[in-house]
Protein backbone atom coordinates (compact mmCIF):
# COMPACT_ATOMS: atom_id res chain seq x y z
CA MET A 1 77.10 -112.98 34.27
CA ASN A 2 76.20 -112.53 30.06
CA THR A 3 78.84 -114.84 28.24
CA PHE A 4 78.91 -116.24 24.73
CA TYR A 5 80.04 -119.46 23.20
CA LEU A 6 83.90 -118.71 21.09
CA LYS A 7 85.67 -121.66 19.11
CA VAL A 8 89.31 -120.25 18.09
CA ILE A 9 90.34 -122.41 15.60
CA ALA A 10 94.25 -121.98 14.69
CA SER A 11 96.07 -123.85 11.30
CA ASP A 12 97.22 -126.80 13.38
CA ARG A 13 94.39 -127.05 16.24
CA THR A 14 91.32 -125.35 18.13
CA PHE A 15 93.56 -123.61 20.39
CA PHE A 16 90.06 -122.49 22.54
CA ALA A 17 86.64 -123.44 22.93
CA GLY A 18 83.74 -122.42 25.40
CA LYS A 19 81.56 -119.73 27.28
CA CYS A 20 83.44 -116.55 27.59
CA GLN A 21 82.61 -112.96 28.88
CA LYS A 22 84.65 -111.01 25.89
CA LEU A 23 87.17 -111.20 23.90
CA THR A 24 89.66 -108.59 22.35
CA VAL A 25 91.86 -108.96 19.48
CA PRO A 26 94.30 -107.12 17.37
CA ALA A 27 92.66 -105.53 14.10
CA PRO A 28 93.65 -103.45 11.56
CA ASP A 29 92.64 -100.54 12.58
CA GLY A 30 93.05 -101.64 16.30
CA GLU A 31 91.87 -103.47 19.34
CA PHE A 32 88.23 -104.73 18.56
CA GLY A 33 86.79 -106.33 21.71
CA ILE A 34 83.73 -108.28 21.58
CA MET A 35 81.43 -109.00 24.40
CA ALA A 36 78.29 -110.82 24.60
CA HIS A 37 75.78 -110.01 21.95
CA HIS A 38 77.52 -108.83 20.00
CA GLU A 39 75.91 -107.37 16.37
CA ASN A 40 76.99 -109.90 13.40
CA ALA A 41 79.54 -108.72 11.97
CA VAL A 42 83.22 -109.83 10.07
CA VAL A 43 86.13 -108.41 11.55
CA ALA A 44 89.91 -108.99 10.22
CA ILE A 45 92.65 -109.79 12.72
CA ILE A 46 95.98 -109.44 12.16
CA MET A 47 99.14 -110.62 13.53
CA GLY A 48 99.02 -109.33 17.60
CA GLU A 49 97.84 -109.44 21.03
CA MET A 50 94.45 -112.13 21.90
CA ARG A 51 92.82 -111.67 24.87
CA ILE A 52 90.25 -114.33 26.41
CA THR A 53 88.56 -113.57 29.51
CA ASP A 54 86.42 -116.75 30.18
CA GLU A 55 83.98 -117.43 32.11
CA GLU A 56 85.33 -117.33 35.54
CA GLY A 57 87.15 -113.85 34.40
CA LYS A 58 90.66 -115.03 34.08
CA VAL A 59 92.26 -113.92 31.34
CA ILE A 60 93.92 -115.81 28.71
CA THR A 61 96.34 -114.30 26.07
CA ALA A 62 97.62 -115.89 22.62
CA ILE A 63 99.56 -114.66 19.95
CA VAL A 64 97.77 -115.01 16.95
CA GLY A 65 98.08 -114.55 13.17
CA THR A 66 96.36 -113.70 10.44
CA GLY A 67 93.14 -114.12 10.19
CA PHE A 68 89.12 -112.94 10.89
CA VAL A 69 86.31 -113.48 13.69
CA GLN A 70 82.38 -113.84 12.78
CA MET A 71 80.39 -112.65 15.44
CA MET A 72 76.78 -114.22 14.87
CA ASN A 73 74.16 -115.13 17.76
CA ASN A 74 75.84 -115.08 20.22
CA ARG A 75 78.81 -117.12 18.92
CA VAL A 76 81.98 -116.89 17.82
CA THR A 77 84.51 -118.17 15.96
CA VAL A 78 87.87 -116.68 15.21
CA LEU A 79 89.82 -118.12 12.78
CA VAL A 80 93.95 -117.53 12.01
CA ASP A 81 97.23 -119.12 11.34
CA THR A 82 98.33 -119.29 14.60
CA ALA A 83 97.37 -118.93 17.80
CA GLU A 84 99.19 -120.45 20.64
CA LEU A 85 99.79 -118.70 24.49
CA PRO A 86 103.56 -117.18 25.17
CA GLU A 87 104.47 -119.58 27.42
CA GLU A 88 104.21 -122.05 24.37
CA VAL A 89 106.73 -119.68 21.90
CA ASP A 90 110.24 -120.76 21.94
CA ILE A 91 112.32 -117.48 22.20
CA ARG A 92 115.49 -119.19 20.68
CA ARG A 93 113.44 -119.48 17.83
CA ALA A 94 112.09 -116.57 16.80
CA GLU A 95 115.28 -114.29 17.95
CA GLU A 96 116.94 -116.67 15.17
CA ALA A 97 114.14 -116.19 12.59
CA LYS A 98 114.00 -112.31 13.42
CA VAL A 99 117.98 -112.18 12.63
CA ARG A 100 117.11 -113.95 9.33
CA ALA A 101 114.41 -112.27 8.36
CA GLU A 102 116.44 -109.03 8.76
CA GLU A 103 119.29 -109.95 6.80
CA GLN A 104 116.92 -111.28 4.15
CA LEU A 105 115.62 -107.75 4.12
CA ARG A 106 118.99 -106.26 2.93
CA GLN A 107 119.59 -108.70 0.13
CA LYS A 108 118.10 -107.52 -2.59
CA GLN A 109 115.01 -109.48 -3.29
CA SER A 110 111.68 -109.50 -5.45
CA ILE A 111 108.63 -107.24 -4.16
CA GLN A 112 107.30 -110.84 -3.43
CA GLU A 113 110.47 -111.75 -1.60
CA TYR A 114 110.39 -108.60 0.17
CA HIS A 115 106.69 -109.21 1.19
CA HIS A 116 107.12 -112.17 2.76
CA SER A 117 110.09 -111.43 4.61
CA GLN A 118 108.40 -108.66 5.97
CA ALA A 119 105.65 -110.28 6.70
CA SER A 120 108.01 -113.20 8.56
CA LEU A 121 110.36 -110.26 10.58
CA ALA A 122 106.14 -108.84 11.71
CA ARG A 123 105.41 -112.19 13.39
CA ALA A 124 108.90 -112.79 14.95
CA MET A 125 108.61 -109.19 16.93
CA SER A 126 104.58 -110.27 17.34
CA ARG A 127 106.42 -113.22 19.47
CA LEU A 128 109.25 -112.25 20.78
CA LYS A 129 107.15 -108.71 22.49
CA LEU A 130 104.68 -110.98 23.62
CA THR A 131 106.72 -113.27 25.31
CA SER A 132 108.64 -110.49 27.32
CA LYS A 133 105.45 -108.80 28.38
CA TYR A 134 104.44 -112.28 29.73
CA MET A 135 107.39 -114.32 30.99
């Protein structure tokens, strides 16, 4: 079985460290899959669903924020803002964040505030979508 070493680092913790068979991350142009002996590269990650197939074949699904993934010499490092399991998401809090972001988008804002509100809404929607999918 071909495996590679993976380390997923979020801003608040090391989410995963160990050997795995496959990694799928959300990229700006679609999903990006990585398997053992992948070509060296650096790829941007957008907010969405990340799937890790560990060395036993168990699939771990996580909700990740923006960041990047680096592949080098059969070692993969993922650096993201946030990484959480669907069961770790506080659904009530995510729904409140969605409502708050929608309200902010309806108000007159500067361009910077508008983009911040859009990002907040996207984050809340992503968390709610993946939580409902896996719970």
